[in-house]
PDB file of N, CA and C in Angstrom:
ATOM      1  N   MET A   1     -28.027  28.363 -10.867  1.00  0.00           N
ATOM      2  CA  MET A   1     -29.219  27.911 -11.249  1.00  0.00           C
ATOM      3  C   MET A   1     -28.890  26.031 -11.641  1.00  0.00           C
ATOM      4  N   THR A   2     -29.488  25.498 -10.312  1.00  0.00           N
ATOM      5  CA  THR A   2     -29.568  24.647  -9.797  1.00  0.00           C
ATOM      6  C   THR A   2     -30.416  23.311 -10.139  1.00  0.00           C
ATOM      7  N   SER A   3     -30.482  22.272 -10.749  1.00  0.00           N
ATOM      8  CA  SER A   3     -31.993  21.588 -11.516  1.00  0.00           C
ATOM      9  C   SER A   3     -31.434  20.492 -10.688  1.00  0.00           C
ATOM     10  N   SER A   4     -32.857  19.344 -10.196  1.00  0.00           N
ATOM     11  CA  SER A   4     -32.612  17.915  -9.965  1.00  0.00           C
ATOM     12  C   SER A   4     -32.144  16.909 -10.721  1.00  0.00           C
ATOM     13  N   ASP A   5     -32.092  17.221 -11.675  1.00  0.00           N
ATOM     14  CA  ASP A   5     -31.308  16.527 -12.603  1.00  0.00           C
ATOM     15  C   ASP A   5     -30.034  16.578 -13.240  1.00  0.00           C
ATOM     16  N   ASP A   6     -28.726  17.788 -12.286  1.00  0.00           N
ATOM     17  CA  ASP A   6     -27.466  18.426 -12.718  1.00  0.00           C
ATOM     18  C   ASP A   6     -26.731  17.472 -12.044  1.00  0.00           C
ATOM     19  N   GLY A   7     -26.994  15.869 -11.223  1.00  0.00           N
ATOM     20  CA  GLY A   7     -26.129  14.598 -10.861  1.00  0.00           C
ATOM     21  C   GLY A   7     -25.292  15.419 -10.210  1.00  0.00           C
ATOM     22  N   GLY A   8     -26.083  16.911  -8.865  1.00  0.00           N
ATOM     23  CA  GLY A   8     -25.243  17.286  -7.586  1.00  0.00           C
ATOM     24  C   GLY A   8     -25.965  16.915  -7.347  1.00  0.00           C
ATOM     25  N   TYR A   9     -25.751  16.627  -5.503  1.00  0.00           N
ATOM     26  CA  TYR A   9     -26.563  15.747  -4.124  1.00  0.00           C
ATOM     27  C   TYR A   9     -27.915  16.905  -3.894  1.00  0.00           C
ATOM     28  N   VAL A  10     -28.534  16.185  -3.453  1.00  0.00           N
ATOM     29  CA  VAL A  10     -29.525  16.986  -3.563  1.00  0.00           C
ATOM     30  C   VAL A  10     -30.790  16.232  -2.308  1.00  0.00           C
ATOM     31  N   HIS A  11     -30.331  17.255  -1.029  1.00  0.00           N
ATOM     32  CA  HIS A  11     -31.107  15.874   0.368  1.00  0.00           C
ATOM     33  C   HIS A  11     -32.147  15.878   0.310  1.00  0.00           C
ATOM     34  N   ASP A  12     -32.545  14.669   0.697  1.00  0.00           N
ATOM     35  CA  ASP A  12     -33.870  14.585   0.681  1.00  0.00           C
ATOM     36  C   ASP A  12     -33.917  14.140   2.739  1.00  0.00           C
ATOM     37  N   PRO A  13     -35.025  14.630   3.015  1.00  0.00           N
ATOM     38  CA  PRO A  13     -34.792  14.171   4.018  1.00  0.00           C
ATOM     39  C   PRO A  13     -35.868  12.464   4.640  1.00  0.00           C
ATOM     40  N   SER A  14     -36.738  12.291   3.602  1.00  0.00           N
ATOM     41  CA  SER A  14     -37.704  10.920   3.533  1.00  0.00           C
ATOM     42  C   SER A  14     -36.069   9.629   3.582  1.00  0.00           C
ATOM     43  N   ALA A  15     -35.375  10.163   2.956  1.00  0.00           N
ATOM     44  CA  ALA A  15     -34.076   9.454   2.904  1.00  0.00           C
ATOM     45  C   ALA A  15     -33.919   8.482   3.708  1.00  0.00           C
ATOM     46  N   PHE A  16     -34.027   9.006   5.110  1.00  0.00           N
ATOM     47  CA  PHE A  16     -33.548   8.966   6.387  1.00  0.00           C
ATOM     48  C   PHE A  16     -33.586   8.355   7.039  1.00  0.00           C
ATOM     49  N   ASP A  17     -33.813   7.383   8.023  1.00  0.00           N
ATOM     50  CA  ASP A  17     -34.090   6.584   9.673  1.00  0.00           C
ATOM     51  C   ASP A  17     -34.541   7.621  10.669  1.00  0.00           C
ATOM     52  N   GLU A  18     -35.009   7.716  11.849  1.00  0.00           N
ATOM     53  CA  GLU A  18     -34.985   8.144  12.606  1.00  0.00           C
ATOM     54  C   GLU A  18     -34.005   8.323  13.337  1.00  0.00           C
ATOM     55  N   ASP A  19     -33.353   7.390  13.653  1.00  0.00           N
ATOM     56  CA  ASP A  19     -32.136   7.510  13.907  1.00  0.00           C
ATOM     57  C   ASP A  19     -30.598   8.200  13.038  1.00  0.00           C
ATOM     58  N   GLY A  20     -31.171   8.676  12.269  1.00  0.00           N
ATOM     59  CA  GLY A  20     -29.810   9.500  10.938  1.00  0.00           C
ATOM     60  C   GLY A  20     -29.629   7.645   9.781  1.00  0.00           C
ATOM     61  N   THR A  21     -28.955   7.006  10.144  1.00  0.00           N
ATOM     62  CA  THR A  21     -29.073   6.285   9.540  1.00  0.00           C
ATOM     63  C   THR A  21     -30.149   6.222   7.083  1.00  0.00           C
ATOM     64  N   HIS A  22     -29.247   6.414   6.833  1.00  0.00           N
ATOM     65  CA  HIS A  22     -29.529   6.128   5.128  1.00  0.00           C
ATOM     66  C   HIS A  22     -29.583   4.669   5.006  1.00  0.00           C
ATOM     67  N   HIS A  23     -31.296   5.098   4.411  1.00  0.00           N
ATOM     68  CA  HIS A  23     -31.810   3.681   3.225  1.00  0.00           C
ATOM     69  C   HIS A  23     -30.456   3.296   2.672  1.00  0.00           C
ATOM     70  N   ASP A  24     -30.772   4.072   1.271  1.00  0.00           N
ATOM     71  CA  ASP A  24     -29.938   3.466   0.558  1.00  0.00           C
ATOM     72  C   ASP A  24     -28.073   3.811   0.407  1.00  0.00           C
ATOM     73  N   ASP A  25     -27.425   3.268   1.439  1.00  0.00           N
ATOM     74  CA  ASP A  25     -26.093   3.035   1.571  1.00  0.00           C
ATOM     75  C   ASP A  25     -25.581   1.950   0.537  1.00  0.00           C
ATOM     76  N   ASP A  26     -24.407   2.122   0.186  1.00  0.00           N
ATOM     77  CA  ASP A  26     -23.598   1.856  -1.174  1.00  0.00           C
ATOM     78  C   ASP A  26     -22.765   1.046   0.048  1.00  0.00           C
ATOM     79  N   ARG A  27     -22.475   0.152   0.829  1.00  0.00           N
ATOM     80  CA  ARG A  27     -21.600  -0.143   1.290  1.00  0.00           C
ATOM     81  C   ARG A  27     -21.587  -1.376   0.748  1.00  0.00           C
ATOM     82  N   GLY A  28     -22.019  -1.756   0.109  1.00  0.00           N
ATOM     83  CA  GLY A  28     -21.498  -3.130  -0.353  1.00  0.00           C
ATOM     84  C   GLY A  28     -21.457  -3.735   0.470  1.00  0.00           C
ATOM     85  N   GLY A  29     -22.695  -4.761   1.078  1.00  0.00           N
ATOM     86  CA  GLY A  29     -22.488  -5.879   2.082  1.00  0.00           C
ATOM     87  C   GLY A  29     -23.161  -5.040   3.252  1.00  0.00           C
ATOM     88  N   ASP A  30     -22.634  -6.258   4.281  1.00  0.00           N
ATOM     89  CA  ASP A  30     -23.076  -5.747   5.929  1.00  0.00           C
ATOM     90  C   ASP A  30     -22.112  -5.663   6.367  1.00  0.00           C
ATOM     91  N   GLU A  31     -21.301  -4.943   5.301  1.00  0.00           N
ATOM     92  CA  GLU A  31     -20.133  -4.013   6.302  1.00  0.00           C
ATOM     93  C   GLU A  31     -20.514  -2.396   7.716  1.00  0.00           C
ATOM     94  N   GLU A  32     -20.378  -2.921   8.862  1.00  0.00           N
ATOM     95  CA  GLU A  32     -20.599  -1.521   9.808  1.00  0.00           C
ATOM     96  C   GLU A  32     -19.563  -1.149  10.452  1.00  0.00           C
ATOM     97  N   LEU A  33     -19.790   0.186  10.168  1.00  0.00           N
ATOM     98  CA  LEU A  33     -18.630   1.184  10.086  1.00  0.00           C
ATOM     99  C   LEU A  33     -18.463   1.749  11.503  1.00  0.00           C
ATOM    100  N   SER A  34     -17.907   1.229  12.425  1.00  0.00           N
ATOM    101  CA  SER A  34     -17.638   1.955  14.226  1.00  0.00           C
ATOM    102  C   SER A  34     -17.590   3.868  14.131  1.00  0.00           C
ATOM    103  N   ASP A  35     -18.237   3.561  14.834  1.00  0.00           N
ATOM    104  CA  ASP A  35     -18.338   5.102  15.600  1.00  0.00           C
ATOM    105  C   ASP A  35     -17.513   5.019  16.382  1.00  0.00           C
ATOM    106  N   ASP A  36     -16.746   4.514  16.817  1.00  0.00           N
ATOM    107  CA  ASP A  36     -15.327   4.657  17.945  1.00  0.00           C
ATOM    108  C   ASP A  36     -14.432   3.494  17.265  1.00  0.00           C
ATOM    109  N   PRO A  37     -13.632   4.147  15.997  1.00  0.00           N
ATOM    110  CA  PRO A  37     -12.684   3.126  16.029  1.00  0.00           C
ATOM    111  C   PRO A  37     -11.328   2.435  17.279  1.00  0.00           C
ATOM    112  N   PRO A  38     -10.631   2.074  16.852  1.00  0.00           N
ATOM    113  CA  PRO A  38      -9.966   1.345  18.140  1.00  0.00           C
ATOM    114  C   PRO A  38      -8.892   1.711  17.709  1.00  0.00           C
ATOM    115  N   HIS A  39      -8.051   2.002  18.958  1.00  0.00           N
ATOM    116  CA  HIS A  39      -6.891   3.101  19.707  1.00  0.00           C
ATOM    117  C   HIS A  39      -5.673   2.435  18.740  1.00  0.00           C
ATOM    118  N   PRO A  40      -4.459   3.567  18.228  1.00  0.00           N
ATOM    119  CA  PRO A  40      -3.769   3.105  17.901  1.00  0.00           C
ATOM    120  C   PRO A  40      -2.500   1.894  18.952  1.00  0.00           C
ATOM    121  N   ALA A  41      -2.837   2.525  20.002  1.00  0.00           N
ATOM    122  CA  ALA A  41      -1.984   1.376  21.013  1.00  0.00           C
ATOM    123  C   ALA A  41      -2.318   0.125  21.007  1.00  0.00           C
ATOM    124  N   ALA A  42      -3.716  -0.180  20.414  1.00  0.00           N
ATOM    125  CA  ALA A  42      -4.679  -1.184  20.932  1.00  0.00           C
ATOM    126  C   ALA A  42      -3.882  -2.504  19.536  1.00  0.00           C
ATOM    127  N   THR A  43      -3.596  -1.790  18.313  1.00  0.00           N
ATOM    128  CA  THR A  43      -3.910  -2.685  17.279  1.00  0.00           C
ATOM    129  C   THR A  43      -1.732  -3.286  17.584  1.00  0.00           C
ATOM    130  N   ASN A  44      -1.721  -4.412  16.905  1.00  0.00           N
ATOM    131  CA  ASN A  44      -0.518  -5.125  17.042  1.00  0.00           C
ATOM    132  C   ASN A  44       0.074  -4.593  15.988  1.00  0.00           C
ATOM    133  N   ARG A  45       0.921  -3.478  16.506  1.00  0.00           N
ATOM    134  CA  ARG A  45       2.283  -3.109  15.633  1.00  0.00           C
ATOM    135  C   ARG A  45       3.794  -3.142  15.903  1.00  0.00           C
ATOM    136  N   GLU A  46       3.846  -4.476  16.087  1.00  0.00           N
ATOM    137  CA  GLU A  46       5.395  -4.720  16.130  1.00  0.00           C
ATOM    138  C   GLU A  46       6.204  -5.049  15.314  1.00  0.00           C
ATOM    139  N   PHE A  47       7.253  -4.433  15.378  1.00  0.00           N
ATOM    140  CA  PHE A  47       8.609  -4.953  14.047  1.00  0.00           C
ATOM    141  C   PHE A  47       8.637  -5.894  13.465  1.00  0.00           C
ATOM    142  N   GLY A  48       8.622  -7.756  14.229  1.00  0.00           N
ATOM    143  CA  GLY A  48       8.706  -8.688  14.483  1.00  0.00           C
ATOM    144  C   GLY A  48       9.466  -9.617  13.053  1.00  0.00           C
ATOM    145  N   ARG A  49       8.651  -9.820  12.153  1.00  0.00           N
ATOM    146  CA  ARG A  49       9.644 -11.359  11.195  1.00  0.00           C
ATOM    147  C   ARG A  49       9.582 -10.639  10.086  1.00  0.00           C
ATOM    148  N   ARG A  50       7.933  -9.415   9.684  1.00  0.00           N
ATOM    149  CA  ARG A  50       7.869  -8.884   8.240  1.00  0.00           C
ATOM    150  C   ARG A  50       9.045  -7.862   8.496  1.00  0.00           C
ATOM    151  N   GLY A  51       9.239  -7.399  10.011  1.00  0.00           N
ATOM    152  CA  GLY A  51       9.970  -6.090   9.599  1.00  0.00           C
ATOM    153  C   GLY A  51      11.600  -6.820   9.229  1.00  0.00           C
ATOM    154  N   TRP A  52      12.104  -6.874   9.828  1.00  0.00           N
ATOM    155  CA  TRP A  52      13.203  -8.101   9.869  1.00  0.00           C
ATOM    156  C   TRP A  52      13.758  -7.957   8.298  1.00  0.00           C
ATOM    157  N   ILE A  53      12.734  -8.730   7.794  1.00  0.00           N
ATOM    158  CA  ILE A  53      12.629  -9.146   6.307  1.00  0.00           C
ATOM    159  C   ILE A  53      12.383  -8.237   5.234  1.00  0.00           C
ATOM    160  N   LEU A  54      11.894  -7.489   5.415  1.00  0.00           N
ATOM    161  CA  LEU A  54      11.520  -5.830   4.774  1.00  0.00           C
ATOM    162  C   LEU A  54      13.394  -5.153   4.851  1.00  0.00           C
ATOM    163  N   VAL A  55      14.048  -4.870   6.161  1.00  0.00           N
ATOM    164  CA  VAL A  55      15.273  -4.893   6.721  1.00  0.00           C
ATOM    165  C   VAL A  55      16.181  -5.259   6.037  1.00  0.00           C
ATOM    166  N   GLY A  56      16.366  -5.918   5.288  1.00  0.00           N
ATOM    167  CA  GLY A  56      17.047  -7.432   5.286  1.00  0.00           C
ATOM    168  C   GLY A  56      17.353  -7.354   3.480  1.00  0.00           C
ATOM    169  N   VAL A  57      16.329  -7.305   2.495  1.00  0.00           N
ATOM    170  CA  VAL A  57      15.525  -6.473   1.320  1.00  0.00           C
ATOM    171  C   VAL A  57      16.674  -5.083   0.871  1.00  0.00           C
ATOM    172  N   MET A  58      15.803  -4.253   1.643  1.00  0.00           N
ATOM    173  CA  MET A  58      16.725  -2.835   1.793  1.00  0.00           C
ATOM    174  C   MET A  58      17.822  -3.295   1.914  1.00  0.00           C
ATOM    175  N   LEU A  59      18.452  -3.760   2.416  1.00  0.00           N
ATOM    176  CA  LEU A  59      20.106  -3.558   2.850  1.00  0.00           C
ATOM    177  C   LEU A  59      21.131  -4.668   1.533  1.00  0.00           C
ATOM    178  N   PHE A  60      19.418  -4.835   1.168  1.00  0.00           N
ATOM    179  CA  PHE A  60      20.375  -6.153  -0.489  1.00  0.00           C
ATOM    180  C   PHE A  60      20.343  -5.277  -1.839  1.00  0.00           C
ATOM    181  N   ALA A  61      18.926  -4.348  -1.652  1.00  0.00           N
ATOM    182  CA  ALA A  61      19.050  -3.504  -2.898  1.00  0.00           C
ATOM    183  C   ALA A  61      19.761  -2.282  -2.521  1.00  0.00           C
ATOM    184  N   PHE A  62      20.328  -1.369  -1.627  1.00  0.00           N
ATOM    185  CA  PHE A  62      20.427  -0.082  -1.924  1.00  0.00           C
ATOM    186  C   PHE A  62      22.512  -0.609  -0.796  1.00  0.00           C
ATOM    187  N   VAL A  63      22.491  -1.727  -1.004  1.00  0.00           N
ATOM    188  CA  VAL A  63      23.970  -2.158  -0.511  1.00  0.00           C
ATOM    189  C   VAL A  63      24.680  -3.136  -1.030  1.00  0.00           C
ATOM    190  N   ILE A  64      24.536  -4.146  -1.146  1.00  0.00           N
ATOM    191  CA  ILE A  64      24.730  -5.761  -1.560  1.00  0.00           C
ATOM    192  C   ILE A  64      24.448  -5.265  -3.327  1.00  0.00           C
ATOM    193  N   ALA A  65      23.891  -4.942  -4.163  1.00  0.00           N
ATOM    194  CA  ALA A  65      23.562  -4.969  -4.758  1.00  0.00           C
ATOM    195  C   ALA A  65      24.885  -3.757  -5.716  1.00  0.00           C
ATOM    196  N   PRO A  66      24.585  -2.644  -5.663  1.00  0.00           N
ATOM    197  CA  PRO A  66      25.233  -2.055  -5.949  1.00  0.00           C
ATOM    198  C   PRO A  66      27.341  -2.125  -6.007  1.00  0.00           C
ATOM    199  N   VAL A  67      27.980  -2.410  -4.578  1.00  0.00           N
ATOM    200  CA  VAL A  67      28.287  -3.276  -4.026  1.00  0.00           C
ATOM    201  C   VAL A  67      29.419  -4.111  -5.207  1.00  0.00           C
ATOM    202  N   ALA A  68      28.399  -4.963  -5.624  1.00  0.00           N
ATOM    203  CA  ALA A  68      28.784  -5.956  -6.186  1.00  0.00           C
ATOM    204  C   ALA A  68      28.178  -5.839  -7.751  1.00  0.00           C
ATOM    205  N   ILE A  69      27.641  -4.443  -8.173  1.00  0.00           N
ATOM    206  CA  ILE A  69      28.150  -4.579  -9.716  1.00  0.00           C
ATOM    207  C   ILE A  69      29.429  -3.490  -9.866  1.00  0.00           C
ATOM    208  N   LEU A  70      30.224  -2.841  -8.714  1.00  0.00           N
ATOM    209  CA  LEU A  70      30.625  -2.718  -8.446  1.00  0.00           C
ATOM    210  C   LEU A  70      32.467  -3.047  -8.664  1.00  0.00           C
ATOM    211  N   LEU A  71      31.681  -4.163  -8.102  1.00  0.00           N
ATOM    212  CA  LEU A  71      33.160  -4.469  -7.395  1.00  0.00           C
ATOM    213  C   LEU A  71      33.563  -5.891  -8.920  1.00  0.00           C
ATOM    214  N   PHE A  72      32.377  -6.427  -8.665  1.00  0.00           N
ATOM    215  CA  PHE A  72      32.106  -7.098 -10.099  1.00  0.00           C
ATOM    216  C   PHE A  72      31.355  -5.990 -11.768  1.00  0.00           C
ATOM    217  N   PRO A  73      32.671  -5.382 -11.682  1.00  0.00           N
ATOM    218  CA  PRO A  73      31.765  -5.220 -13.360  1.00  0.00           C
ATOM    219  C   PRO A  73      32.040  -6.174 -14.686  1.00  0.00           C
ATOM    220  N   PRO A  74      31.066  -5.256 -15.354  1.00  0.00           N
ATOM    221  CA  PRO A  74      30.280  -6.460 -16.445  1.00  0.00           C
ATOM    222  C   PRO A  74      31.371  -6.068 -17.155  1.00  0.00           C
ATOM    223  N   SER A  75      31.676  -7.107 -18.142  1.00  0.00           N
ATOM    224  CA  SER A  75      32.509  -6.592 -20.045  1.00  0.00           C
ATOM    225  C   SER A  75      31.676  -5.877 -21.196  1.00  0.00           C
ATOM    226  N   SER A  76      32.388  -5.192 -22.071  1.00  0.00           N
ATOM    227  CA  SER A  76      31.680  -3.787 -22.931  1.00  0.00           C
ATOM    228  C   SER A  76      31.151  -4.854 -23.412  1.00  0.00           C
ATOM    229  N   ASP A  77      30.142  -5.854 -23.764  1.00  0.00           N
ATOM    230  CA  ASP A  77      29.507  -6.459 -23.976  1.00  0.00           C
ATOM    231  C   ASP A  77      27.910  -6.504 -23.204  1.00  0.00           C
ATOM    232  N   HIS A  78      28.309  -6.767 -22.458  1.00  0.00           N
ATOM    233  CA  HIS A  78      27.085  -6.862 -20.962  1.00  0.00           C
ATOM    234  C   HIS A  78      27.176  -5.318 -20.056  1.00  0.00           C
ATOM    235  N   TYR A  79      27.549  -4.538 -21.178  1.00  0.00           N
ATOM    236  CA  TYR A  79      27.356  -3.020 -19.826  1.00  0.00           C
ATOM    237  C   TYR A  79      25.699  -2.956 -19.706  1.00  0.00           C
ATOM    238  N   ARG A  80      24.505  -3.717 -20.889  1.00  0.00           N
ATOM    239  CA  ARG A  80      23.163  -2.813 -20.769  1.00  0.00           C
ATOM    240  C   ARG A  80      22.638  -3.209 -18.978  1.00  0.00           C
ATOM    241  N   PHE A  81      22.644  -4.726 -19.803  1.00  0.00           N
ATOM    242  CA  PHE A  81      22.473  -5.707 -18.045  1.00  0.00           C
ATOM    243  C   PHE A  81      23.139  -5.123 -16.811  1.00  0.00           C
ATOM    244  N   ALA A  82      24.527  -4.925 -16.898  1.00  0.00           N
ATOM    245  CA  ALA A  82      24.714  -4.451 -15.518  1.00  0.00           C
ATOM    246  C   ALA A  82      23.494  -3.244 -15.153  1.00  0.00           C
ATOM    247  N   LEU A  83      23.771  -2.178 -16.363  1.00  0.00           N
ATOM    248  CA  LEU A  83      22.990  -0.869 -15.338  1.00  0.00           C
ATOM    249  C   LEU A  83      21.661  -0.723 -15.526  1.00  0.00           C
ATOM    250  N   LEU A  84      21.193  -1.915 -16.542  1.00  0.00           N
ATOM    251  CA  LEU A  84      19.233  -1.971 -16.257  1.00  0.00           C
ATOM    252  C   LEU A  84      18.395  -2.732 -15.688  1.00  0.00           C
ATOM    253  N   ILE A  85      19.544  -4.446 -15.514  1.00  0.00           N
ATOM    254  CA  ILE A  85      18.917  -5.225 -15.359  1.00  0.00           C
ATOM    255  C   ILE A  85      19.151  -5.904 -13.752  1.00  0.00           C
ATOM    256  N   LEU A  86      21.037  -5.228 -13.438  1.00  0.00           N
ATOM    257  CA  LEU A  86      20.782  -5.877 -12.870  1.00  0.00           C
ATOM    258  C   LEU A  86      20.145  -5.056 -10.863  1.00  0.00           C
ATOM    259  N   PRO A  87      20.205  -3.894 -11.110  1.00  0.00           N
ATOM    260  CA  PRO A  87      19.785  -2.635 -10.585  1.00  0.00           C
ATOM    261  C   PRO A  87      17.991  -3.173 -10.128  1.00  0.00           C
ATOM    262  N   LEU A  88      17.576  -3.583 -11.446  1.00  0.00           N
ATOM    263  CA  LEU A  88      16.311  -3.667 -11.968  1.00  0.00           C
ATOM    264  C   LEU A  88      15.998  -4.613 -10.883  1.00  0.00           C
ATOM    265  N   ALA A  89      16.155  -6.609 -10.243  1.00  0.00           N
ATOM    266  CA  ALA A  89      16.248  -7.229  -9.741  1.00  0.00           C
ATOM    267  C   ALA A  89      15.476  -7.041  -8.788  1.00  0.00           C
ATOM    268  N   PRO A  90      16.462  -6.381  -7.855  1.00  0.00           N
ATOM    269  CA  PRO A  90      16.499  -5.646  -6.440  1.00  0.00           C
ATOM    270  C   PRO A  90      15.120  -4.803  -5.983  1.00  0.00           C
ATOM    271  N   ALA A  91      15.239  -3.903  -6.805  1.00  0.00           N
ATOM    272  CA  ALA A  91      14.205  -2.499  -6.770  1.00  0.00           C
ATOM    273  C   ALA A  91      12.425  -3.636  -6.596  1.00  0.00           C
ATOM    274  N   ILE A  92      12.866  -4.367  -7.752  1.00  0.00           N
ATOM    275  CA  ILE A  92      11.163  -5.279  -7.742  1.00  0.00           C
ATOM    276  C   ILE A  92      11.741  -6.200  -6.845  1.00  0.00           C
ATOM    277  N   ALA A  93      12.323  -6.629  -5.814  1.00  0.00           N
ATOM    278  CA  ALA A  93      12.301  -7.662  -5.153  1.00  0.00           C
ATOM    279  C   ALA A  93      11.617  -6.019  -3.372  1.00  0.00           C
ATOM    280  N   LEU A  94      12.435  -5.127  -3.316  1.00  0.00           N
ATOM    281  CA  LEU A  94      12.367  -4.513  -2.255  1.00  0.00           C
ATOM    282  C   LEU A  94      10.518  -4.097  -3.014  1.00  0.00           C
ATOM    283  N   ALA A  95      10.182  -3.669  -3.599  1.00  0.00           N
ATOM    284  CA  ALA A  95       8.488  -2.917  -3.786  1.00  0.00           C
ATOM    285  C   ALA A  95       7.731  -4.820  -3.309  1.00  0.00           C
ATOM    286  N   ALA A  96       7.676  -5.560  -3.806  1.00  0.00           N
ATOM    287  CA  ALA A  96       7.450  -6.615  -3.597  1.00  0.00           C
ATOM    288  C   ALA A  96       7.449  -6.888  -1.479  1.00  0.00           C
ATOM    289  N   THR A  97       8.314  -6.513  -1.412  1.00  0.00           N
ATOM    290  CA  THR A  97       8.332  -7.203   0.337  1.00  0.00           C
ATOM    291  C   THR A  97       7.964  -5.724   1.054  1.00  0.00           C
ATOM    292  N   ALA A  98       8.184  -4.505   0.338  1.00  0.00           N
ATOM    293  CA  ALA A  98       7.714  -4.085   1.179  1.00  0.00           C
ATOM    294  C   ALA A  98       6.195  -3.811   1.148  1.00  0.00           C
ATOM    295  N   VAL A  99       5.546  -3.801  -0.220  1.00  0.00           N
ATOM    296  CA  VAL A  99       4.449  -3.990  -0.107  1.00  0.00           C
ATOM    297  C   VAL A  99       3.678  -5.486   1.395  1.00  0.00           C
ATOM    298  N   TRP A 100       4.594  -6.582   1.106  1.00  0.00           N
ATOM    299  CA  TRP A 100       3.581  -7.490   2.022  1.00  0.00           C
ATOM    300  C   TRP A 100       4.454  -7.112   3.009  1.00  0.00           C
ATOM    301  N   ALA A 101       5.340  -6.454   3.930  1.00  0.00           N
ATOM    302  CA  ALA A 101       5.911  -6.007   5.202  1.00  0.00           C
ATOM    303  C   ALA A 101       4.390  -5.421   6.164  1.00  0.00           C
ATOM    304  N   THR A 102       3.327  -3.929   4.730  1.00  0.00           N
ATOM    305  CA  THR A 102       3.149  -3.156   5.439  1.00  0.00           C
ATOM    306  C   THR A 102       2.018  -3.807   5.628  1.00  0.00           C
ATOM    307  N   THR A 103       1.172  -5.038   4.698  1.00  0.00           N
ATOM    308  CA  THR A 103       0.093  -5.569   5.120  1.00  0.00           C
ATOM    309  C   THR A 103      -0.309  -6.263   6.040  1.00  0.00           C
ATOM    310  N   ARG A 104      -1.148  -5.986   6.479  1.00  0.00           N
ATOM    311  CA  ARG A 104      -1.444  -6.882   7.540  1.00  0.00           C
ATOM    312  C   ARG A 104      -2.443  -8.033   7.610  1.00  0.00           C
ATOM    313  N   PRO A 105      -2.594  -9.606   7.963  1.00  0.00           N
ATOM    314  CA  PRO A 105      -2.505 -10.110   7.877  1.00  0.00           C
ATOM    315  C   PRO A 105      -4.062 -10.338   8.246  1.00  0.00           C
TER     316      PRO A 105
END
């Protein structure tokens, strides 16, 4: 049993133009949705500078930082710093760089 005030979808043919576009689109601006999106091969997807910076930060986070912790162990009073803070800094750098490298201007 469905009523018109239950918040569900109710098709209203008068809300559409003759060409099938909806009168009350909530797109929030003058954005037009393309019926024919660009082919992935046509977009700029080269590795480039951003990719190499991401590789460098990954190398730092997964190799250099752990090796530095192993080679230069902290004294007993700085043990908490070594296990919590030192791995956290490369992880934050990696997260920020990954977001930056994957977003295109």
